[in-house]
Structure formats: structure tokens, C-alpha cells
Amino acid sequence: MAGPFKNLINARTVQHTGEHLRRAWPGFDRPCFERQASRGLEALEFKARAMQLADALEATLPGDFDAAASVLEASLAPPIPLDAQGEPAGLSDTQGALGLSGWVVWSMGEFVARRGMGDVPRALRCLHALTQRFSAEFAIRPFIQQHPAVALPILARWVDDPSAHVRRLVSEGSRPRLPWGLRLQALVADPAPTLPLLRALQDDPSAYVRRSVANHLNDIAKDHPDLVARWVQEHRRGASPERSALLRHASRGLIKQGHAPTLQAWGLGLGLQGQAVLSLSTDHAAVGEDIGLHLRLRSTAGQAQPLVVDYAVHHVRANGSTHPKVFKGWTLTLGPGEERTLEKRHSLRPVTTRRLYPGPHRIELRVNGQTCANATFELLP
């Protein structure tokens, strides 16, 4: 069984970092760095460990930022290789022996964000190197926030960079609502500055880059759903299978919400022409178990119907009220006059983002965003 996630930054990480920084700069005070970076490390959680290493870098790297950035760059391993789909292939032991890569680069990027604001182009050149060994998606965000007039033109040049790691950084680093990252409130309010970047990258040969573009558009959809619906409508025309998959992933949240313009963009504007019957495997189940969903669809249409079938579980809250959570069901084409039976198991196990409370729960079937059947069960302690 794997250990806690926080242990990805450990005492060996500190020693390895000290070794390669000393290799890159013979004047580096390795004992001081390792002493400060290791202090109470075992008691710290993951992000606190990364920030403590960044503190130790601040205390021991040259005071001149250009010199410090040059030391960081000289300490790095070769870039992480990519597979045939343009996805990261992982680090080899040989690469690790040659220099720094992986989670420690998070701390290095934090150092650049703290110390590089006085020379944004030099700082972004360093992040260009760092992102090819881990990711600089967190470190670049303060530069976009504080110096957009300098940072965004540099990102615009990077859309043609030979490295897929760098092209992905253009999209991932500028996401308005990147998880774990600084929220770029100006781009939440107005995403227009990043739209040319996404347009340039949505047909990127790397799946790694295209997935980031999809997630960026999904971020935008949370605040500007009609904009993303128009984007899908415009860019579906003549789309390759890869672009179509990207647009589908980008609009996944809006489809689950039943956002009418998005459904129309995908040809899903009509509800089910026919009948739907939803039944459950039991009328009661305990927390930690699961429950079976049984669905019968019957078409009364004279033509095939593309259908997205999702379901919403109206979870009981602590105060007795309910709140719906939409889950993915099925995507299918129902033929003229066809009858189709679909089945699925729904887990009632608690997760870190959702606590389950006993009480009556309603399951609502949504076909192309429209509710067409319901069923209820009692959730037991």
C-alpha cells in the first residue's frame, strides 16, 4: 500500500536537491540548505513541505535573481520525455541521477514566483525550463495576475514552442480556476485574453495539451456558460475526432447541468421523444452500500435520437434540506421505435467531498437535460 501523499517530498528529496544544487554552483551552502529544509519535515503536510524547501532555497541561493535562476536551471535533469500521444512518459532513474525533476520543482517554481517579480521575462524563462521537469502551472499565476501585459504576450509566443510541456503551461497556467492554484480573478471576470491562446492550442498534436485546453474551457463555463456554448457551436464545424473529444470534455459540466444552448450545440436540444421508466434495485440501502438503477427507454420517434442520459441524486443535508448532485449515466443513440434497457450501480460510500446523511433520497433521471422520470429510496445509517 502506498504511503501518504505528503511523503513524495521527504528527506531523500532534500538530500538529492542539495547534491544537484551544489553540482550546479560550487559555492552553494548545501549543509545550511539541508538543515533548514529538513527541520521538522516529517510533521509537515504536503504543501507545507514544498514551501519549507522554497524557504530554504531563498536562504541559500544567490541574492541576485538572474544568478539564482541560472543555478536552478543548471541543476535540472533532462526534460521529461513524452509518449506517442504527447503524454508524459515518466522519469527514469537515469534522469534522476543527472539532475532535479519531479515534486521538488514545485518548490523551485515557488522560489521563482517569490523572487522574480522584478524581472518577469527572466523569471518566465526559468519557468519555461522548470515546467519541462514537473509543471510551473502554480508558479506562473502570480506573474499573470500582477503583470498580465508582460506575461500574456510571452504565453502567446509559447503556443508554438517545440515542447508540449511548455504549450500545456500556456493553457494550464492561465486557467481562471485552477485547483490548488491562485484564482485569477480578472480572467474569471473576463476570459477574453486567453481565448486566442486556447484557439491556437485546441488542435495541438499532444493529448496532454488538448486536455488542458478542455479543462480551461470547463473553468470558463462555470462563469460564462453561453460563451462556451457558442465556442462549441463554432468549433464543432469540420472538427477532427480529437477536437470533438476536447469540446465534449470542455462542455461536460454544462451538459450535466442541462444548459440548453450547450445541448443545442451538440444536437441534443430535444428531450426524449418516447417514454422512460426508472426503477431501483431496492427501496432502502445503508451508507456504504450501493443501489442499482434500472432504466427502460422506448422511442416513439420516426428517426434516431442522440441522447445524453444523466441522473441527479437529491442528497439529504445535515439540516434536512436536499441538494442535487448530477452523475454521468449513458450516451447513446436510440433508433426509431427502439426499446433499450440500461443498468448501473450507484455507490453510497462517503467521499471526502460529500458526507451522506440518512433520509429519503430522490433520484431524478435527466435525458438531454430534461427530467423525465423519478424514483426514491430511503438511505439508512
Protein backbone atom coordinates (compact mmCIF):
# COMPACT_ATOMS: atom_id res chain seq x y z
CA MET A 1 0.00 0.00 0.00
CA ALA A 2 1.34 3.42 -0.94
CA GLY A 3 2.29 5.79 1.89
CA PRO A 4 0.79 9.23 2.48
CA PHE A 5 0.93 11.59 -0.49
CA LYS A 6 3.00 14.07 1.54
CA ASN A 7 5.88 11.59 1.60
CA LEU A 8 6.59 12.34 -2.05
CA ILE A 9 8.66 15.20 -0.56
CA ASN A 10 10.94 13.58 2.00
CA ALA A 11 14.45 13.56 3.46
CA ARG A 12 15.82 11.95 0.31
CA THR A 13 14.28 14.76 -1.75
CA VAL A 14 16.17 17.29 0.37
CA GLN A 15 19.49 15.45 0.02
CA HIS A 16 19.05 14.96 -3.73
CA THR A 17 18.24 18.65 -4.16
CA GLY A 18 21.26 19.72 -2.14
CA GLU A 19 23.50 17.43 -4.17
CA HIS A 20 22.47 18.85 -7.55
CA LEU A 21 22.38 22.47 -6.47
CA ARG A 22 25.96 22.07 -5.20
CA ARG A 23 26.88 20.48 -8.54
CA ALA A 24 25.38 23.48 -10.36
CA TRP A 25 27.02 26.04 -8.05
CA PRO A 26 30.12 25.02 -6.08
CA GLY A 27 29.51 27.95 -3.72
CA PHE A 28 26.10 26.61 -2.65
CA ASP A 29 25.81 26.13 1.14
CA ARG A 30 24.47 22.61 0.99
CA PRO A 31 24.60 21.90 4.78
CA CYS A 32 22.60 25.06 5.54
CA PHE A 33 20.02 24.24 2.86
CA GLU A 34 19.58 20.65 4.02
CA ARG A 35 19.39 21.66 7.67
CA GLN A 36 16.68 24.27 7.03
CA ALA A 37 14.74 22.17 4.51
CA SER A 38 14.73 19.11 6.82
CA ARG A 39 13.69 20.86 10.04
CA GLY A 40 10.56 19.11 11.34
CA LEU A 41 9.81 17.81 7.85
CA GLU A 42 8.07 14.62 9.00
CA ALA A 43 5.45 16.60 10.92
CA LEU A 44 4.51 18.80 7.96
CA GLU A 45 1.73 18.25 5.45
CA PHE A 46 2.45 18.16 1.72
CA LYS A 47 2.17 21.82 0.74
CA ALA A 48 3.99 22.91 3.90
CA ARG A 49 6.89 20.63 2.95
CA ALA A 50 7.10 22.21 -0.51
CA MET A 51 7.01 25.72 0.98
CA GLN A 52 9.72 24.85 3.53
CA LEU A 53 12.03 23.77 0.71
CA ALA A 54 11.26 27.07 -1.03
CA ASP A 55 12.18 28.92 2.19
CA ALA A 56 15.49 27.04 2.27
CA LEU A 57 16.16 27.97 -1.36
CA GLU A 58 15.55 31.64 -0.52
CA ALA A 59 18.03 31.40 2.32
CA THR A 60 20.84 29.79 0.31
CA LEU A 61 20.63 30.72 -3.39
CA PRO A 62 22.41 33.86 -4.70
CA GLY A 63 20.78 37.17 -3.85
CA ASP A 64 20.87 38.22 -7.50
CA PHE A 65 17.79 36.68 -9.13
CA ASP A 66 19.38 36.11 -12.54
CA ALA A 67 22.25 34.23 -10.89
CA ALA A 68 19.85 32.22 -8.72
CA ALA A 69 17.71 31.30 -11.75
CA SER A 70 20.81 30.16 -13.61
CA VAL A 71 21.71 27.85 -10.70
CA LEU A 72 18.22 26.33 -10.73
CA GLU A 73 18.36 25.77 -14.49
CA ALA A 74 21.82 24.17 -14.29
CA SER A 75 20.61 21.73 -11.60
CA LEU A 76 17.81 20.25 -13.69
CA ALA A 77 17.51 16.78 -15.17
CA PRO A 78 16.73 16.37 -18.88
CA PRO A 79 13.10 17.18 -19.79
CA ILE A 80 10.51 14.51 -19.01
CA PRO A 81 10.01 12.51 -22.23
CA LEU A 82 6.64 12.24 -23.94
CA ASP A 83 4.97 9.16 -25.42
CA ALA A 84 3.43 8.83 -28.88
CA GLN A 85 0.27 10.68 -27.76
CA GLY A 86 2.28 13.53 -26.29
CA GLU A 87 1.64 12.43 -22.70
CA PRO A 88 4.41 12.49 -20.05
CA ALA A 89 6.12 9.11 -20.07
CA GLY A 90 7.58 9.39 -16.56
CA LEU A 91 11.04 9.81 -15.13
CA SER A 92 13.75 7.20 -15.38
CA ASP A 93 16.35 6.56 -12.70
CA THR A 94 18.99 7.76 -15.16
CA GLN A 95 17.31 11.15 -15.47
CA GLY A 96 17.05 11.48 -11.70
CA ALA A 97 20.75 10.82 -11.38
CA LEU A 98 21.51 13.59 -13.87
CA GLY A 99 19.56 16.34 -12.13
CA LEU A 100 16.40 17.59 -10.47
CA SER A 101 12.88 16.80 -11.63
CA GLY A 102 9.52 15.92 -10.10
CA TRP A 103 7.95 17.37 -6.96
CA VAL A 104 10.93 19.44 -5.84
CA VAL A 105 10.33 21.61 -8.91
CA TRP A 106 7.16 22.85 -7.18
CA SER A 107 9.42 24.43 -4.54
CA MET A 108 11.75 25.81 -7.19
CA GLY A 109 8.82 27.40 -9.00
CA GLU A 110 7.65 28.94 -5.73
CA PHE A 111 11.11 30.48 -5.30
CA VAL A 112 10.85 32.00 -8.79
CA ALA A 113 7.39 33.41 -8.02
CA ARG A 114 8.66 34.99 -4.80
CA ARG A 115 11.89 36.43 -6.11
CA GLY A 116 11.31 37.01 -9.83
CA MET A 117 8.68 39.77 -9.89
CA GLY A 118 11.34 42.38 -10.58
CA ASP A 119 12.33 40.71 -13.86
CA VAL A 120 9.30 38.97 -15.33
CA PRO A 121 10.88 37.90 -18.67
CA ARG A 122 13.84 36.29 -16.85
CA ALA A 123 11.51 34.61 -14.37
CA LEU A 124 9.37 33.17 -17.15
CA ARG A 125 12.46 31.87 -18.95
CA CYS A 126 13.24 29.95 -15.78
CA LEU A 127 9.67 28.63 -15.54
CA HIS A 128 9.97 27.58 -19.20
CA ALA A 129 12.79 25.26 -18.11
CA LEU A 130 11.13 24.12 -14.85
CA THR A 131 7.81 23.16 -16.44
CA GLN A 132 9.58 20.59 -18.63
CA ARG A 133 10.64 18.72 -15.46
CA PHE A 134 7.37 18.92 -13.47
CA SER A 135 4.93 21.79 -14.02
CA ALA A 136 5.09 25.51 -13.40
CA GLU A 137 1.31 25.95 -13.50
CA PHE A 138 1.19 27.28 -9.91
CA ALA A 139 4.31 29.46 -10.14
CA ILE A 140 3.30 31.32 -13.29
CA ARG A 141 -0.05 32.51 -11.95
CA PRO A 142 1.22 35.40 -9.80
CA PHE A 143 3.00 36.79 -12.88
CA ILE A 144 -0.21 36.63 -14.92
CA GLN A 145 -2.10 38.27 -12.08
CA GLN A 146 0.36 41.08 -11.35
CA HIS A 147 1.96 41.65 -14.77
CA PRO A 148 -0.52 40.49 -17.44
CA ALA A 149 0.79 42.97 -20.02
CA VAL A 150 4.20 41.29 -19.85
CA ALA A 151 3.21 37.67 -19.14
CA LEU A 152 0.40 37.14 -21.66
CA PRO A 153 2.43 38.14 -24.77
CA ILE A 154 5.10 35.66 -23.68
CA LEU A 155 2.45 32.94 -23.39
CA ALA A 156 1.24 33.87 -26.87
CA ARG A 157 4.72 33.11 -28.23
CA TRP A 158 4.85 29.83 -26.33
CA VAL A 159 1.83 28.36 -28.18
CA ASP A 160 4.34 27.43 -30.90
CA ASP A 161 7.03 26.14 -28.55
CA PRO A 162 8.53 22.76 -29.55
CA SER A 163 7.90 21.40 -26.03
CA ALA A 164 4.40 20.08 -25.24
CA HIS A 165 5.17 20.77 -21.57
CA VAL A 166 5.53 24.47 -22.37
CA ARG A 167 2.46 24.58 -24.62
CA ARG A 168 0.43 22.94 -21.86
CA LEU A 169 1.69 25.56 -19.40
CA VAL A 170 0.16 28.27 -21.62
CA SER A 171 -3.29 26.79 -21.07
CA GLU A 172 -2.95 25.24 -17.60
CA GLY A 173 -1.13 28.17 -16.03
CA SER A 174 -3.74 30.67 -17.22
CA ARG A 175 -6.83 28.67 -16.19
CA PRO A 176 -9.11 31.03 -14.25
CA ARG A 177 -9.94 28.49 -11.54
CA LEU A 178 -7.03 26.04 -11.44
CA PRO A 179 -7.50 23.63 -8.49
CA TRP A 180 -4.93 24.30 -5.71
CA GLY A 181 -3.80 27.40 -7.62
CA LEU A 182 -4.19 31.12 -7.14
CA ARG A 183 -7.55 32.18 -8.62
CA LEU A 184 -7.03 34.62 -11.50
CA GLN A 185 -9.97 36.84 -10.69
CA ALA A 186 -9.51 39.15 -13.68
CA LEU A 187 -9.79 36.15 -16.01
CA VAL A 188 -12.75 34.80 -14.05
CA ALA A 189 -14.49 38.10 -14.78
CA ASP A 190 -13.33 38.33 -18.40
CA PRO A 191 -11.65 35.34 -20.07
CA ALA A 192 -11.16 37.17 -23.38
CA PRO A 193 -7.33 37.50 -23.02
CA THR A 194 -6.84 33.71 -23.02
CA LEU A 195 -9.28 32.81 -25.80
CA PRO A 196 -6.70 33.34 -28.61
CA LEU A 197 -4.34 31.02 -26.72
CA LEU A 198 -6.98 28.30 -26.49
CA ARG A 199 -7.90 28.72 -30.15
CA ALA A 200 -4.26 28.19 -31.11
CA LEU A 201 -3.90 25.10 -28.90
CA GLN A 202 -7.19 23.22 -29.32
CA ASP A 203 -5.78 21.23 -32.26
CA ASP A 204 -2.40 20.64 -30.63
CA PRO A 205 -0.85 17.25 -31.55
CA SER A 206 -0.35 16.45 -27.83
CA ALA A 207 -3.27 14.94 -25.90
CA TYR A 208 -1.63 16.40 -22.77
CA VAL A 209 -2.10 19.92 -24.16
CA ARG A 210 -5.60 19.33 -25.54
CA ARG A 211 -6.83 18.01 -22.19
CA SER A 212 -5.62 21.20 -20.52
CA VAL A 213 -7.47 23.30 -23.10
CA ALA A 214 -10.66 21.33 -22.36
CA ASN A 215 -10.25 21.89 -18.63
CA HIS A 216 -9.58 25.60 -19.20
CA LEU A 217 -12.81 25.92 -21.21
CA ASN A 218 -14.65 24.00 -18.49
CA ASP A 219 -13.34 26.58 -15.99
CA ILE A 220 -14.70 29.38 -18.17
CA ALA A 221 -18.05 27.60 -18.43
CA LYS A 222 -18.59 28.00 -14.69
CA ASP A 223 -18.83 31.77 -15.09
CA HIS A 224 -19.62 32.25 -18.80
CA PRO A 225 -21.68 29.24 -19.91
CA ASP A 226 -23.12 30.92 -23.00
CA LEU A 227 -19.62 31.82 -24.21
CA VAL A 228 -18.55 28.16 -24.08
CA ALA A 229 -21.78 27.07 -25.78
CA ARG A 230 -21.00 29.49 -28.63
CA TRP A 231 -17.41 28.19 -28.72
CA VAL A 232 -18.66 24.63 -29.12
CA GLN A 233 -21.16 25.67 -31.79
CA GLU A 234 -18.44 27.48 -33.77
CA HIS A 235 -15.62 24.97 -33.42
CA ARG A 236 -17.60 21.75 -33.94
CA ARG A 237 -17.93 22.56 -37.63
CA GLY A 238 -15.35 20.49 -39.51
CA ALA A 239 -13.81 19.30 -36.24
CA SER A 240 -11.42 16.37 -36.15
CA PRO A 241 -12.24 13.49 -33.77
CA GLU A 242 -9.58 14.87 -31.40
CA ARG A 243 -11.13 18.35 -31.36
CA SER A 244 -14.62 16.90 -30.95
CA ALA A 245 -13.42 14.94 -27.91
CA LEU A 246 -11.86 18.12 -26.50
CA LEU A 247 -15.09 20.10 -26.97
CA ARG A 248 -17.14 17.33 -25.39
CA HIS A 249 -14.84 17.28 -22.36
CA ALA A 250 -14.93 21.09 -22.17
CA SER A 251 -18.72 21.16 -22.08
CA ARG A 252 -19.20 18.19 -19.75
CA GLY A 253 -20.31 20.34 -16.81
CA LEU A 254 -22.81 22.28 -18.89
CA ILE A 255 -24.26 19.08 -20.36
CA LYS A 256 -24.73 17.65 -16.86
CA GLN A 257 -26.43 20.88 -15.79
CA GLY A 258 -28.80 20.70 -18.75
CA HIS A 259 -27.59 24.04 -20.14
CA ALA A 260 -29.91 24.49 -23.11
CA PRO A 261 -27.56 26.36 -25.52
CA THR A 262 -24.84 23.75 -24.98
CA LEU A 263 -27.25 20.88 -25.52
CA GLN A 264 -28.41 22.56 -28.72
CA ALA A 265 -24.81 22.96 -29.86
CA TRP A 266 -24.42 19.19 -29.56
CA GLY A 267 -27.70 18.44 -31.32
CA LEU A 268 -29.30 17.47 -28.01
CA GLY A 269 -31.82 20.30 -27.82
CA LEU A 270 -34.85 17.99 -27.95
CA GLY A 271 -35.91 15.93 -24.96
CA LEU A 272 -36.75 12.26 -25.21
CA GLN A 273 -39.42 11.51 -27.76
CA GLY A 274 -40.86 8.47 -26.09
CA GLN A 275 -41.11 7.02 -22.62
CA ALA A 276 -38.68 6.40 -19.78
CA VAL A 277 -39.22 4.23 -16.71
CA LEU A 278 -36.71 4.29 -13.85
CA SER A 279 -36.71 1.67 -11.10
CA LEU A 280 -34.29 0.90 -8.27
CA SER A 281 -32.97 -2.42 -7.03
CA THR A 282 -34.27 -1.66 -3.51
CA ASP A 283 -36.30 0.95 -1.70
CA HIS A 284 -33.75 1.24 1.12
CA ALA A 285 -29.96 0.97 1.42
CA ALA A 286 -27.37 1.76 4.06
CA VAL A 287 -24.50 4.21 3.86
CA GLY A 288 -21.51 2.33 2.43
CA GLU A 289 -23.60 0.09 0.17
CA ASP A 290 -24.71 0.70 -3.40
CA ILE A 291 -28.00 0.71 -5.24
CA GLY A 292 -28.94 -0.47 -8.72
CA LEU A 293 -30.57 1.77 -11.31
CA HIS A 294 -32.70 0.07 -13.98
CA LEU A 295 -33.89 2.19 -16.90
CA ARG A 296 -36.21 1.33 -19.78
CA LEU A 297 -36.34 3.69 -22.75
CA ARG A 298 -38.83 3.44 -25.60
CA SER A 299 -38.72 5.68 -28.66
CA THR A 300 -41.87 6.94 -30.35
CA ALA A 301 -39.88 8.95 -32.91
CA GLY A 302 -39.56 8.19 -36.59
CA GLN A 303 -35.83 8.98 -36.58
CA ALA A 304 -32.80 8.21 -34.47
CA GLN A 305 -32.37 10.27 -31.28
CA PRO A 306 -28.95 11.17 -29.84
CA LEU A 307 -29.36 11.07 -26.07
CA VAL A 308 -27.28 12.02 -23.06
CA VAL A 309 -28.80 10.30 -20.04
CA ASP A 310 -27.64 11.50 -16.61
CA TYR A 311 -29.19 11.27 -13.17
CA ALA A 312 -29.32 13.58 -10.18
CA VAL A 313 -29.32 12.27 -6.61
CA HIS A 314 -31.01 14.69 -4.22
CA HIS A 315 -28.79 14.19 -1.17
CA VAL A 316 -30.12 14.99 2.27
CA ARG A 317 -28.13 17.65 4.12
CA ALA A 318 -27.48 17.93 7.85
CA ASN A 319 -30.35 20.41 8.25
CA GLY A 320 -32.81 18.12 6.45
CA SER A 321 -32.88 20.02 3.16
CA THR A 322 -31.80 18.34 -0.07
CA HIS A 323 -29.31 19.24 -2.78
CA PRO A 324 -28.97 17.55 -6.20
CA LYS A 325 -25.68 16.12 -7.40
CA VAL A 326 -25.59 15.12 -11.08
CA PHE A 327 -23.81 11.90 -12.09
CA LYS A 328 -22.90 10.70 -15.57
CA GLY A 329 -25.08 7.95 -16.94
CA TRP A 330 -25.08 6.97 -20.60
CA THR A 331 -24.54 8.50 -24.04
CA LEU A 332 -26.38 6.65 -26.80
CA THR A 333 -28.40 6.87 -29.99
CA LEU A 334 -31.92 5.46 -29.70
CA GLY A 335 -33.24 4.17 -33.00
CA PRO A 336 -36.74 4.78 -34.39
CA GLY A 337 -39.23 2.79 -32.28
CA GLU A 338 -36.35 1.15 -30.38
CA GLU A 339 -36.63 -0.06 -26.80
CA ARG A 340 -33.45 -0.07 -24.70
CA THR A 341 -32.68 -1.30 -21.18
CA LEU A 342 -29.82 0.30 -19.25
CA GLU A 343 -28.44 -0.62 -15.83
CA LYS A 344 -25.96 0.99 -13.46
CA ARG A 345 -24.80 0.65 -9.84
CA HIS A 346 -24.61 3.85 -7.80
CA SER A 347 -22.22 3.92 -4.84
CA LEU A 348 -23.44 5.19 -1.47
CA ARG A 349 -19.98 5.22 0.05
CA PRO A 350 -18.96 8.52 1.66
CA VAL A 351 -16.23 10.52 -0.07
CA THR A 352 -14.06 13.36 1.20
CA THR A 353 -16.11 15.98 -0.66
CA ARG A 354 -19.56 14.68 0.34
CA ARG A 355 -20.95 13.38 3.61
CA LEU A 356 -24.06 11.22 3.39
CA TYR A 357 -26.96 11.71 5.81
CA PRO A 358 -29.83 9.26 6.34
CA GLY A 359 -33.28 10.08 5.00
CA PRO A 360 -35.43 9.88 1.87
CA HIS A 361 -33.41 10.40 -1.32
CA ARG A 362 -34.88 11.11 -4.75
CA ILE A 363 -33.14 10.06 -7.97
CA GLU A 364 -34.10 12.18 -10.96
CA LEU A 365 -33.46 10.90 -14.48
CA ARG A 366 -32.40 13.58 -16.97
CA VAL A 367 -32.43 12.95 -20.70
CA ASN A 368 -30.87 15.74 -22.79
CA GLY A 369 -31.12 17.96 -19.73
CA GLN A 370 -34.85 17.37 -19.17
CA THR A 371 -36.27 15.44 -16.22
CA CYS A 372 -38.34 12.51 -17.43
CA ALA A 373 -38.52 10.02 -14.53
CA ASN A 374 -38.03 9.80 -10.76
CA ALA A 375 -37.55 7.14 -8.12
CA THR A 376 -36.98 7.29 -4.35
CA PHE A 377 -35.21 5.24 -1.71
CA GLU A 378 -34.51 5.55 1.99
CA LEU A 379 -30.86 5.92 2.99
CA LEU A 380 -30.21 4.18 6.33
CA PRO A 381 -27.36 4.96 8.76
